[in-house]
């Protein structure tokens, strides 16, 4: 088990840290940070997200003192001539799947950390929250193919195992096939589940190279795959991004390389129009994916390498819990 590896202490006379030992140390650091965050005051909303994938109608019963007036069933009340309320129950057991982007573009980071590292840190919080809720948790890492699948299970050391798999992951592909990953996720989840898609969403249908169907006004493959997943599952798309992708420095002539295709070009970043054009394109791509997510019925949020992702996650899940509370109260 991974957890047992941390019990080993290396003496000063031992060999330098191996690659495996370095990964394990990183796993432990992220796991400790996630636990510290989960234990912080006021962050119970994380666990509330994993209490069940939906609200199901249970019964109509007579009003009792203390029942929220928003839950009153006015049609039944009018018919029976005394107040009745709708009662809902929340589904408890669930499966959580993290679909994580391991493509070449996630290896970029201009300041504090790489986008790939941010993705792992975010995933660590989500995995730990699911584990505390006693949910089954799985992992799917994709590039231009589905490269790593850990099927959903429960387990005491599940957090460490999944973090280790993400940090030690060495991709074979460099591109991004998000559509294929979403279709694969739909196939391995037989029952309704909670799916987190963690990616920078730099994929053809987002960056402007849409397929023929979409150019003709029909839904593109990515939209269809995402809509197919949200039809049966609760899907949250988490965008990982870096500020340098949106606001470029005035750095003169710079040679840049596409990490997924290897294509190189020289940009004159001293030219304001060049910088503005790139920045406007990046903003349009972000807006485009937000629209794709909304169209498909998925929730969307964004985290960035230059700020606290804990604050962003907390705000998102707190808002989500408020929406669920309104559903429970019948509003």
Protein backbone atom coordinates (compact mmCIF):
# COMPACT_ATOMS: atom_id res chain seq x y z
CA UNK A 1 0.00 0.00 0.00
CA UNK A 2 1.18 3.52 -0.70
CA UNK A 3 0.53 4.61 2.87
CA UNK A 4 3.09 2.13 4.20
CA UNK A 5 5.82 3.63 2.05
CA UNK A 6 5.75 6.82 4.07
CA UNK A 7 6.73 4.95 7.22
CA UNK A 8 10.23 4.33 5.84
CA UNK A 9 12.88 6.77 7.03
CA UNK A 10 16.03 7.22 5.05
CA UNK A 11 19.26 7.70 6.95
CA UNK A 12 21.89 10.24 5.93
CA UNK A 13 24.02 7.45 4.53
CA UNK A 14 21.36 6.30 2.06
CA UNK A 15 21.31 7.08 -1.65
CA UNK A 16 19.73 10.30 -2.96
CA UNK A 17 15.97 10.40 -3.31
CA UNK A 18 14.70 8.32 -6.20
CA UNK A 19 12.02 9.47 -8.63
CA UNK A 20 9.46 7.23 -6.94
CA UNK A 21 10.35 8.59 -3.50
CA UNK A 22 10.06 12.16 -4.82
CA UNK A 23 6.58 11.44 -6.17
CA UNK A 24 5.53 9.86 -2.88
CA UNK A 25 6.78 12.93 -1.00
CA UNK A 26 4.70 15.16 -3.29
CA UNK A 27 1.68 12.92 -2.77
CA UNK A 28 2.03 13.28 0.97
CA UNK A 29 2.38 17.07 0.75
CA UNK A 30 -0.77 17.42 -1.35
CA UNK A 31 -2.69 14.97 0.83
CA UNK A 32 -1.71 16.84 4.01
CA UNK A 33 -2.69 20.15 2.44
CA UNK A 34 -6.07 18.76 1.37
CA UNK A 35 -6.74 17.37 4.84
CA UNK A 36 -5.80 20.67 6.44
CA UNK A 37 -8.23 22.45 4.16
CA UNK A 38 -11.02 19.93 4.80
CA UNK A 39 -10.58 20.37 8.55
CA UNK A 40 -10.68 24.16 8.36
CA UNK A 41 -13.62 25.92 9.90
CA UNK A 42 -16.41 26.79 7.50
CA UNK A 43 -15.43 24.35 4.72
CA UNK A 44 -18.10 21.75 5.39
CA UNK A 45 -19.64 22.64 2.03
CA UNK A 46 -17.10 20.35 0.37
CA UNK A 47 -18.55 17.29 2.01
CA UNK A 48 -22.12 18.48 1.48
CA UNK A 49 -21.56 18.24 -2.28
CA UNK A 50 -20.99 14.50 -1.96
CA UNK A 51 -24.11 13.73 0.06
CA UNK A 52 -26.08 12.53 -2.95
CA UNK A 53 -26.50 13.19 -6.62
CA UNK A 54 -30.03 14.46 -6.46
CA UNK A 55 -33.23 15.18 -4.63
CA UNK A 56 -36.05 12.69 -5.01
CA UNK A 57 -39.71 13.28 -4.18
CA UNK A 58 -40.79 11.05 -1.30
CA UNK A 59 -44.33 11.94 -0.20
CA UNK A 60 -46.87 14.60 0.64
CA UNK A 61 -47.70 14.86 4.32
CA UNK A 62 -49.67 17.19 6.55
CA UNK A 63 -47.95 20.39 7.61
CA UNK A 64 -46.23 20.33 10.99
CA UNK A 65 -44.97 23.29 13.04
CA UNK A 66 -41.45 24.16 11.94
CA UNK A 67 -41.85 23.02 8.33
CA UNK A 68 -40.61 25.67 5.85
CA UNK A 69 -43.55 27.38 4.19
CA UNK A 70 -41.72 27.08 0.84
CA UNK A 71 -42.35 23.31 0.93
CA UNK A 72 -46.14 23.67 1.02
CA UNK A 73 -47.92 21.85 -1.80
CA UNK A 74 -50.58 24.41 -2.64
CA UNK A 75 -52.60 22.13 -4.94
CA UNK A 76 -52.98 19.43 -2.29
CA UNK A 77 -53.58 22.08 0.37
CA UNK A 78 -56.43 23.59 -1.64
CA UNK A 79 -57.97 20.18 -2.30
CA UNK A 80 -57.70 18.96 1.31
CA UNK A 81 -58.49 22.36 2.84
CA UNK A 82 -55.61 22.10 5.27
CA UNK A 83 -51.85 22.60 4.67
CA UNK A 84 -49.74 19.81 3.24
CA UNK A 85 -46.02 19.85 2.38
CA UNK A 86 -43.86 18.02 -0.14
CA UNK A 87 -41.17 15.84 1.37
CA UNK A 88 -37.95 15.08 -0.47
CA UNK A 89 -35.16 12.67 0.34
CA UNK A 90 -31.58 12.97 -0.81
CA UNK A 91 -29.87 10.02 -2.42
CA UNK A 92 -26.90 8.96 -0.35
CA UNK A 93 -24.66 6.44 -2.05
CA UNK A 94 -22.86 7.63 -5.12
CA UNK A 95 -19.88 7.16 -7.40
CA UNK A 96 -17.41 9.94 -8.14
CA UNK A 97 -15.20 9.94 -11.22
CA UNK A 98 -12.42 12.42 -11.93
CA UNK A 99 -11.68 12.88 -15.63
CA UNK A 100 -8.28 14.63 -15.70
CA UNK A 101 -6.50 16.17 -18.68
CA UNK A 102 -2.88 15.02 -19.04
CA UNK A 103 -2.21 16.59 -22.45
CA UNK A 104 0.84 18.66 -23.37
CA UNK A 105 -0.88 22.02 -22.84
CA UNK A 106 -1.39 21.32 -19.12
CA UNK A 107 2.41 21.28 -18.68
CA UNK A 108 2.46 25.07 -18.92
CA UNK A 109 2.83 27.45 -15.98
CA UNK A 110 4.25 30.95 -15.89
CA UNK A 111 4.35 31.79 -12.20
CA UNK A 112 3.66 29.68 -9.13
CA UNK A 113 2.92 26.26 -10.59
CA UNK A 114 2.09 24.25 -13.69
CA UNK A 115 -1.52 23.76 -14.72
CA UNK A 116 -0.98 20.02 -14.31
CA UNK A 117 0.09 20.50 -10.69
CA UNK A 118 -2.94 22.71 -10.03
CA UNK A 119 -5.16 19.97 -11.48
CA UNK A 120 -3.69 17.43 -9.04
CA UNK A 121 -4.15 19.75 -6.06
CA UNK A 122 -7.78 20.38 -6.98
CA UNK A 123 -8.32 16.66 -7.50
CA UNK A 124 -6.79 15.94 -4.08
CA UNK A 125 -9.45 18.04 -2.36
CA UNK A 126 -12.26 16.41 -4.34
CA UNK A 127 -10.96 12.88 -3.72
CA UNK A 128 -10.58 13.44 0.01
CA UNK A 129 -14.07 14.94 0.27
CA UNK A 130 -15.52 11.93 -1.57
CA UNK A 131 -13.60 9.54 0.65
CA UNK A 132 -14.93 11.20 3.78
CA UNK A 133 -18.43 10.81 2.38
CA UNK A 134 -17.64 7.09 1.89
CA UNK A 135 -18.20 7.32 -1.85
CA UNK A 136 -16.60 5.20 -4.53
CA UNK A 137 -13.94 7.22 -6.36
CA UNK A 138 -12.28 6.55 -9.71
CA UNK A 139 -9.86 8.28 -12.07
CA UNK A 140 -9.61 8.61 -15.83
CA UNK A 141 -6.55 10.42 -17.26
CA UNK A 142 -6.66 11.29 -20.94
CA UNK A 143 -4.57 12.94 -23.64
CA UNK A 144 -5.38 12.25 -27.28
CA UNK A 145 -6.47 8.87 -25.94
CA UNK A 146 -7.64 7.44 -22.62
CA UNK A 147 -4.35 6.50 -20.97
CA UNK A 148 -5.10 5.66 -17.35
CA UNK A 149 -8.25 4.24 -15.78
CA UNK A 150 -8.67 3.43 -12.10
CA UNK A 151 -12.20 2.14 -11.68
CA UNK A 152 -14.32 3.63 -8.88
CA UNK A 153 -13.89 1.91 -5.54
CA UNK A 154 -13.86 2.69 -1.86
CA UNK A 155 -10.73 2.26 0.19
CA UNK A 156 -8.80 3.60 3.13
CA UNK A 157 -5.77 4.59 1.07
CA UNK A 158 -7.69 5.54 -2.07
CA UNK A 159 -6.68 9.21 -1.85
CA UNK A 160 -2.97 8.36 -1.81
CA UNK A 161 -3.33 5.85 -4.64
CA UNK A 162 -5.11 8.27 -6.97
CA UNK A 163 -2.77 11.18 -6.19
CA UNK A 164 0.20 8.92 -6.84
CA UNK A 165 -1.26 7.84 -10.17
CA UNK A 166 -1.70 11.46 -11.25
CA UNK A 167 1.74 12.66 -10.12
CA UNK A 168 3.60 9.69 -11.58
CA UNK A 169 1.65 9.77 -14.85
CA UNK A 170 3.85 9.85 -17.96
CA UNK A 171 1.69 10.49 -21.03
CA UNK A 172 2.18 8.67 -24.29
CA UNK A 173 0.15 11.22 -26.24
CA UNK A 174 0.38 15.01 -26.32
CA UNK A 175 -2.95 16.01 -27.86
CA UNK A 176 -6.41 16.36 -26.34
CA UNK A 177 -9.39 14.14 -27.11
CA UNK A 178 -11.92 15.38 -24.59
CA UNK A 179 -14.80 13.99 -26.61
CA UNK A 180 -13.35 10.48 -26.42
CA UNK A 181 -12.73 10.83 -22.67
CA UNK A 182 -16.33 11.89 -22.03
CA UNK A 183 -17.65 8.97 -24.05
CA UNK A 184 -15.39 6.57 -22.14
CA UNK A 185 -16.61 8.00 -18.82
CA UNK A 186 -20.21 7.43 -19.87
CA UNK A 187 -19.43 3.78 -20.67
CA UNK A 188 -17.79 2.95 -17.34
CA UNK A 189 -20.48 4.57 -15.15
CA UNK A 190 -23.55 2.29 -15.16
CA UNK A 191 -25.43 4.29 -12.51
CA UNK A 192 -25.89 8.01 -11.98
CA UNK A 193 -22.63 9.50 -10.72
CA UNK A 194 -20.83 12.75 -10.01
CA UNK A 195 -18.20 13.50 -12.68
CA UNK A 196 -15.51 16.18 -12.35
CA UNK A 197 -13.79 17.06 -15.63
CA UNK A 198 -10.51 18.85 -14.82
CA UNK A 199 -8.89 20.33 -17.93
CA UNK A 200 -7.65 23.50 -19.59
CA UNK A 201 -10.19 22.72 -22.35
CA UNK A 202 -7.75 23.56 -25.13
CA UNK A 203 -9.47 21.27 -27.60
CA UNK A 204 -10.36 21.79 -31.28
CA UNK A 205 -14.05 22.56 -30.78
CA UNK A 206 -13.16 25.19 -28.19
CA UNK A 207 -10.15 26.75 -29.91
CA UNK A 208 -11.93 27.26 -33.21
CA UNK A 209 -11.28 24.10 -35.26
CA UNK A 210 -14.83 22.80 -35.01
CA UNK A 211 -15.98 19.82 -37.02
CA UNK A 212 -18.09 20.04 -40.19
CA UNK A 213 -21.36 19.39 -38.36
CA UNK A 214 -20.87 22.35 -36.05
CA UNK A 215 -19.89 24.66 -38.90
CA UNK A 216 -23.23 23.77 -40.46
CA UNK A 217 -25.04 24.89 -37.33
CA UNK A 218 -25.45 21.43 -35.76
CA UNK A 219 -24.07 20.45 -32.34
CA UNK A 220 -20.40 19.44 -32.49
CA UNK A 221 -19.07 16.13 -31.23
CA UNK A 222 -17.85 17.62 -27.96
CA UNK A 223 -21.23 19.16 -27.21
CA UNK A 224 -22.98 15.88 -28.01
CA UNK A 225 -20.58 13.88 -25.81
CA UNK A 226 -20.90 16.33 -22.91
CA UNK A 227 -24.68 16.47 -23.23
CA UNK A 228 -24.79 12.67 -23.32
CA UNK A 229 -22.85 12.53 -20.06
CA UNK A 230 -24.93 15.21 -18.30
CA UNK A 231 -28.12 13.45 -19.36
CA UNK A 232 -27.33 10.61 -16.95
CA UNK A 233 -24.78 12.13 -14.58
CA UNK A 234 -24.05 15.23 -12.51
CA UNK A 235 -21.12 16.90 -14.34
CA UNK A 236 -18.85 19.70 -13.10
CA UNK A 237 -16.27 21.10 -15.54
CA UNK A 238 -13.27 22.66 -13.78
CA UNK A 239 -11.03 24.77 -15.99
CA UNK A 240 -7.37 25.10 -15.00
CA UNK A 241 -5.70 28.13 -16.55
CA UNK A 242 -2.65 30.37 -16.31
CA UNK A 243 -2.66 34.21 -16.43
CA UNK A 244 0.05 34.30 -19.12
CA UNK A 245 -2.42 32.68 -21.51
CA UNK A 246 -4.65 35.72 -21.18
CA UNK A 247 -2.32 38.69 -20.61
CA UNK A 248 0.99 38.58 -22.49
CA UNK A 249 4.10 40.56 -21.45
CA UNK A 250 5.72 43.10 -23.78
CA UNK A 251 8.69 40.80 -24.42
CA UNK A 252 9.75 41.55 -28.00
CA UNK A 253 10.39 38.70 -30.45
CA UNK A 254 9.56 35.36 -28.84
CA UNK A 255 9.57 31.88 -30.34
CA UNK A 256 6.66 29.84 -29.05
CA UNK A 257 5.82 26.17 -29.50
CA UNK A 258 2.48 24.38 -29.33
CA UNK A 259 3.09 21.66 -26.71
CA UNK A 260 0.57 19.34 -28.35
CA UNK A 261 1.44 19.66 -32.03
CA UNK A 262 5.08 20.83 -31.82
CA UNK A 263 4.30 23.67 -34.24
CA UNK A 264 6.57 26.70 -33.73
CA UNK A 265 6.22 30.33 -34.67
CA UNK A 266 7.81 33.68 -33.81
CA UNK A 267 5.64 36.36 -32.23
CA UNK A 268 6.46 40.04 -31.85
CA UNK A 269 5.09 40.71 -28.40
CA UNK A 270 6.28 44.31 -28.54
CA UNK A 271 3.41 44.88 -30.99
CA UNK A 272 0.33 45.89 -29.03
CA UNK A 273 -2.01 44.65 -31.75
CA UNK A 274 -0.39 41.20 -31.71
CA UNK A 275 -0.77 40.95 -27.93
CA UNK A 276 -4.34 42.19 -28.03
CA UNK A 277 -5.26 39.74 -30.79
CA UNK A 278 -3.89 36.77 -28.81
CA UNK A 279 -5.55 37.93 -25.60
CA UNK A 280 -8.93 38.45 -27.30
CA UNK A 281 -8.71 35.00 -28.86
CA UNK A 282 -7.96 33.44 -25.46
CA UNK A 283 -10.92 35.26 -23.88
CA UNK A 284 -13.20 34.14 -26.70
CA UNK A 285 -12.10 30.52 -26.23
CA UNK A 286 -12.91 30.64 -22.52
CA UNK A 287 -16.34 32.15 -23.19
CA UNK A 288 -16.92 29.56 -25.87
CA UNK A 289 -16.36 26.64 -23.55
CA UNK A 290 -18.54 28.21 -20.84
CA UNK A 291 -21.28 28.35 -23.48
CA UNK A 292 -20.63 24.72 -24.50
CA UNK A 293 -20.87 23.60 -20.86
CA UNK A 294 -24.08 25.55 -20.34
CA UNK A 295 -25.57 24.20 -23.56
CA UNK A 296 -24.77 20.64 -22.51
CA UNK A 297 -26.16 21.08 -18.98
CA UNK A 298 -22.85 20.90 -17.08
CA UNK A 299 -21.76 23.21 -14.27
CA UNK A 300 -18.61 25.21 -14.90
CA UNK A 301 -15.97 26.86 -12.76
CA UNK A 302 -12.40 28.06 -13.20
CA UNK A 303 -9.21 27.94 -11.13
CA UNK A 304 -5.95 29.72 -11.94
CA UNK A 305 -2.30 29.04 -11.14
CA UNK A 306 -1.74 32.53 -9.69
CA UNK A 307 -4.42 32.49 -6.99
CA UNK A 308 -5.88 30.31 -4.26
CA UNK A 309 -7.91 27.50 -5.75
CA UNK A 310 -9.26 26.75 -2.28
CA UNK A 311 -11.17 30.05 -2.31
CA UNK A 312 -12.60 29.37 -5.77
CA UNK A 313 -13.67 25.82 -4.88
CA UNK A 314 -15.24 26.93 -1.62
CA UNK A 315 -17.22 29.70 -3.31
CA UNK A 316 -18.42 27.37 -6.05
CA UNK A 317 -19.51 24.57 -3.71
CA UNK A 318 -21.12 27.00 -1.26
CA UNK A 319 -23.24 28.39 -4.11
CA UNK A 320 -24.05 24.84 -5.23
CA UNK A 321 -25.16 23.86 -1.73
CA UNK A 322 -27.42 26.92 -1.53
CA UNK A 323 -29.12 25.82 -4.75
CA UNK A 324 -29.61 22.31 -3.38
CA UNK A 325 -31.00 23.73 -0.13
CA UNK A 326 -33.57 25.71 -2.07
CA UNK A 327 -34.56 22.51 -3.87
CA UNK A 328 -34.96 20.65 -0.57
CA UNK A 329 -37.16 23.41 0.82
CA UNK A 330 -39.32 23.34 -2.31
CA UNK A 331 -38.48 26.85 -3.51
